[in-house]
Amino acid sequence: MKELVEIIAKSLVDHPDEVVVTEKETEKAIIVELKVASEDMGKVIGKQGRIAKSIRTVVKAAATKDDKKVMVEILQ
């Protein structure tokens, strides 16, 4: 999941070298944290959160084969 979020985020932002994705695994879920440059935050979130919601939807669809719950958090 980490690689998927990283590829999507790097294709959206102006500063792909500042994209940092970390993955934490708990018993019930995998938490993927995404950090981007502050000026790229709007590009990752989108108007009314549409792009962020789309990223979460794609990651959840990819995670169904693993039977794990995946949460994508966008950090500042």
N, C-alpha and C. Protein backbone atom coordinates (compact mmCIF):
# COMPACT_ATOMS: atom_id res chain seq x y z
N MET A 1 0.82 -1.20 0.00
CA MET A 1 0.00 0.00 0.00
C MET A 1 0.86 1.26 0.00
N LYS A 2 1.99 1.17 0.67
CA LYS A 2 2.89 2.32 0.76
C LYS A 2 3.33 2.77 -0.63
N GLU A 3 3.70 1.81 -1.46
CA GLU A 3 4.18 2.14 -2.81
C GLU A 3 3.08 2.75 -3.66
N LEU A 4 1.87 2.25 -3.52
CA LEU A 4 0.74 2.77 -4.28
C LEU A 4 0.46 4.23 -3.94
N VAL A 5 0.42 4.54 -2.65
CA VAL A 5 0.18 5.92 -2.22
C VAL A 5 1.31 6.83 -2.68
N GLU A 6 2.53 6.33 -2.62
CA GLU A 6 3.69 7.13 -3.03
C GLU A 6 3.64 7.46 -4.52
N ILE A 7 3.29 6.49 -5.34
CA ILE A 7 3.21 6.72 -6.79
C ILE A 7 2.11 7.74 -7.11
N ILE A 8 0.96 7.59 -6.48
CA ILE A 8 -0.14 8.52 -6.73
C ILE A 8 0.24 9.93 -6.30
N ALA A 9 0.79 10.06 -5.09
CA ALA A 9 1.13 11.38 -4.56
C ALA A 9 2.20 12.07 -5.40
N LYS A 10 3.22 11.32 -5.80
CA LYS A 10 4.30 11.92 -6.59
C LYS A 10 3.82 12.41 -7.95
N SER A 11 2.80 11.76 -8.49
CA SER A 11 2.28 12.20 -9.79
C SER A 11 1.41 13.46 -9.66
N LEU A 12 0.96 13.78 -8.46
CA LEU A 12 0.08 14.93 -8.25
C LEU A 12 0.82 16.22 -7.90
N VAL A 13 1.95 16.12 -7.23
CA VAL A 13 2.59 17.30 -6.64
C VAL A 13 3.66 17.91 -7.53
N ASP A 14 4.06 19.15 -7.18
CA ASP A 14 5.13 19.84 -7.89
C ASP A 14 6.51 19.46 -7.36
N HIS A 15 6.57 19.01 -6.10
CA HIS A 15 7.84 18.64 -5.47
C HIS A 15 7.80 17.15 -5.08
N PRO A 16 7.95 16.26 -6.05
CA PRO A 16 7.85 14.83 -5.73
C PRO A 16 8.95 14.32 -4.81
N ASP A 17 10.08 15.02 -4.74
CA ASP A 17 11.16 14.59 -3.87
C ASP A 17 10.84 14.81 -2.39
N GLU A 18 9.82 15.63 -2.09
CA GLU A 18 9.45 15.90 -0.70
C GLU A 18 8.29 15.02 -0.22
N VAL A 19 7.86 14.07 -1.04
CA VAL A 19 6.79 13.15 -0.64
C VAL A 19 7.37 12.07 0.27
N VAL A 20 6.77 11.92 1.45
CA VAL A 20 7.21 10.91 2.41
C VAL A 20 6.00 10.07 2.80
N VAL A 21 6.11 8.77 2.62
CA VAL A 21 5.02 7.86 2.96
C VAL A 21 5.54 6.85 3.99
N THR A 22 4.83 6.75 5.11
CA THR A 22 5.18 5.77 6.12
C THR A 22 3.98 4.85 6.35
N GLU A 23 4.28 3.64 6.76
CA GLU A 23 3.23 2.64 6.94
C GLU A 23 3.36 2.03 8.33
N LYS A 24 2.24 2.06 9.07
CA LYS A 24 2.20 1.45 10.40
C LYS A 24 1.15 0.35 10.36
N GLU A 25 1.50 -0.79 10.91
CA GLU A 25 0.55 -1.91 10.90
C GLU A 25 0.13 -2.22 12.33
N THR A 26 -1.19 -2.24 12.54
CA THR A 26 -1.75 -2.62 13.82
C THR A 26 -2.46 -3.96 13.64
N GLU A 27 -3.09 -4.43 14.70
CA GLU A 27 -3.80 -5.71 14.60
C GLU A 27 -4.96 -5.65 13.62
N LYS A 28 -5.67 -4.53 13.61
CA LYS A 28 -6.89 -4.44 12.82
C LYS A 28 -6.71 -3.70 11.50
N ALA A 29 -5.69 -2.87 11.40
CA ALA A 29 -5.60 -2.02 10.21
C ALA A 29 -4.15 -1.67 9.87
N ILE A 30 -4.00 -1.18 8.65
CA ILE A 30 -2.73 -0.62 8.20
C ILE A 30 -2.96 0.88 8.05
N ILE A 31 -2.11 1.67 8.68
CA ILE A 31 -2.23 3.13 8.60
C ILE A 31 -1.11 3.64 7.71
N VAL A 32 -1.49 4.31 6.63
CA VAL A 32 -0.52 4.87 5.70
C VAL A 32 -0.53 6.39 5.90
N GLU A 33 0.60 6.94 6.27
CA GLU A 33 0.71 8.38 6.50
C GLU A 33 1.43 9.02 5.32
N LEU A 34 0.86 10.10 4.82
CA LEU A 34 1.39 10.80 3.66
C LEU A 34 1.77 12.22 4.06
N LYS A 35 3.02 12.58 3.81
CA LYS A 35 3.48 13.95 4.05
C LYS A 35 3.96 14.52 2.72
N VAL A 36 3.53 15.74 2.42
CA VAL A 36 3.97 16.44 1.21
C VAL A 36 4.40 17.85 1.61
N ALA A 37 5.03 18.55 0.67
CA ALA A 37 5.42 19.94 0.93
C ALA A 37 4.16 20.77 1.18
N SER A 38 4.30 21.81 1.98
CA SER A 38 3.13 22.61 2.37
C SER A 38 2.43 23.24 1.17
N GLU A 39 3.18 23.62 0.15
CA GLU A 39 2.55 24.23 -1.03
C GLU A 39 1.85 23.19 -1.91
N ASP A 40 2.14 21.92 -1.70
CA ASP A 40 1.48 20.86 -2.45
C ASP A 40 0.27 20.26 -1.72
N MET A 41 0.01 20.71 -0.52
CA MET A 41 -1.07 20.15 0.28
C MET A 41 -2.42 20.26 -0.43
N GLY A 42 -2.68 21.38 -1.05
CA GLY A 42 -3.95 21.57 -1.75
C GLY A 42 -4.12 20.64 -2.93
N LYS A 43 -3.03 20.29 -3.58
CA LYS A 43 -3.10 19.39 -4.74
C LYS A 43 -3.41 17.97 -4.32
N VAL A 44 -2.97 17.59 -3.13
CA VAL A 44 -3.22 16.23 -2.64
C VAL A 44 -4.63 16.13 -2.06
N ILE A 45 -5.11 17.20 -1.44
CA ILE A 45 -6.44 17.17 -0.84
C ILE A 45 -7.52 17.45 -1.89
N GLY A 46 -7.32 18.45 -2.72
CA GLY A 46 -8.29 18.77 -3.77
C GLY A 46 -9.45 19.59 -3.24
N LYS A 47 -10.28 20.05 -4.16
CA LYS A 47 -11.46 20.83 -3.77
C LYS A 47 -12.43 19.96 -3.00
N GLN A 48 -12.78 20.42 -1.82
CA GLN A 48 -13.70 19.72 -0.92
C GLN A 48 -13.22 18.29 -0.62
N GLY A 49 -11.91 18.06 -0.70
CA GLY A 49 -11.34 16.77 -0.34
C GLY A 49 -11.56 15.67 -1.36
N ARG A 50 -11.88 16.03 -2.58
CA ARG A 50 -12.19 15.01 -3.60
C ARG A 50 -11.00 14.13 -3.95
N ILE A 51 -9.83 14.73 -4.10
CA ILE A 51 -8.66 13.93 -4.48
C ILE A 51 -8.25 13.03 -3.31
N ALA A 52 -8.28 13.55 -2.09
CA ALA A 52 -7.95 12.73 -0.92
C ALA A 52 -8.92 11.56 -0.81
N LYS A 53 -10.18 11.80 -1.06
CA LYS A 53 -11.19 10.74 -1.01
C LYS A 53 -10.91 9.70 -2.10
N SER A 54 -10.52 10.16 -3.27
CA SER A 54 -10.21 9.24 -4.37
C SER A 54 -9.00 8.38 -4.05
N ILE A 55 -7.97 8.98 -3.45
CA ILE A 55 -6.79 8.21 -3.06
C ILE A 55 -7.18 7.13 -2.07
N ARG A 56 -8.01 7.50 -1.09
CA ARG A 56 -8.44 6.52 -0.09
C ARG A 56 -9.26 5.41 -0.72
N THR A 57 -10.10 5.74 -1.70
CA THR A 57 -10.92 4.73 -2.37
C THR A 57 -10.05 3.74 -3.14
N VAL A 58 -9.06 4.23 -3.86
CA VAL A 58 -8.16 3.35 -4.63
C VAL A 58 -7.38 2.43 -3.69
N VAL A 59 -6.90 2.97 -2.60
CA VAL A 59 -6.11 2.17 -1.65
C VAL A 59 -7.00 1.12 -0.99
N LYS A 60 -8.22 1.49 -0.62
CA LYS A 60 -9.14 0.51 -0.03
C LYS A 60 -9.47 -0.61 -1.01
N ALA A 61 -9.65 -0.26 -2.27
CA ALA A 61 -9.93 -1.27 -3.28
C ALA A 61 -8.75 -2.22 -3.44
N ALA A 62 -7.54 -1.70 -3.39
CA ALA A 62 -6.35 -2.54 -3.51
C ALA A 62 -6.16 -3.41 -2.26
N ALA A 63 -6.66 -2.95 -1.13
CA ALA A 63 -6.47 -3.68 0.12
C ALA A 63 -7.49 -4.80 0.33
N THR A 64 -8.53 -4.84 -0.46
CA THR A 64 -9.56 -5.86 -0.25
C THR A 64 -9.01 -7.27 -0.47
N LYS A 65 -8.01 -7.41 -1.32
CA LYS A 65 -7.44 -8.74 -1.55
C LYS A 65 -6.65 -9.24 -0.35
N ASP A 66 -6.19 -8.32 0.51
CA ASP A 66 -5.44 -8.70 1.71
C ASP A 66 -6.34 -8.85 2.94
N ASP A 67 -7.61 -8.54 2.80
CA ASP A 67 -8.57 -8.57 3.91
C ASP A 67 -8.09 -7.74 5.11
N LYS A 68 -7.53 -6.59 4.80
CA LYS A 68 -7.09 -5.67 5.85
C LYS A 68 -7.78 -4.33 5.64
N LYS A 69 -8.01 -3.63 6.73
CA LYS A 69 -8.55 -2.28 6.63
C LYS A 69 -7.36 -1.33 6.50
N VAL A 70 -7.44 -0.43 5.54
CA VAL A 70 -6.35 0.52 5.32
C VAL A 70 -6.88 1.93 5.50
N MET A 71 -6.14 2.72 6.28
CA MET A 71 -6.50 4.11 6.49
C MET A 71 -5.37 4.98 5.95
N VAL A 72 -5.73 5.99 5.14
CA VAL A 72 -4.73 6.91 4.60
C VAL A 72 -4.89 8.24 5.33
N GLU A 73 -3.83 8.68 5.98
CA GLU A 73 -3.83 9.95 6.70
C GLU A 73 -2.88 10.91 6.01
N ILE A 74 -3.36 12.11 5.75
CA ILE A 74 -2.53 13.15 5.13
C ILE A 74 -2.07 14.09 6.23
N LEU A 75 -0.77 14.15 6.44
CA LEU A 75 -0.20 14.94 7.53
C LEU A 75 0.45 16.21 7.01
N GLN A 76 0.52 17.20 7.88
CA GLN A 76 1.17 18.45 7.50
C GLN A 76 2.60 18.45 7.91
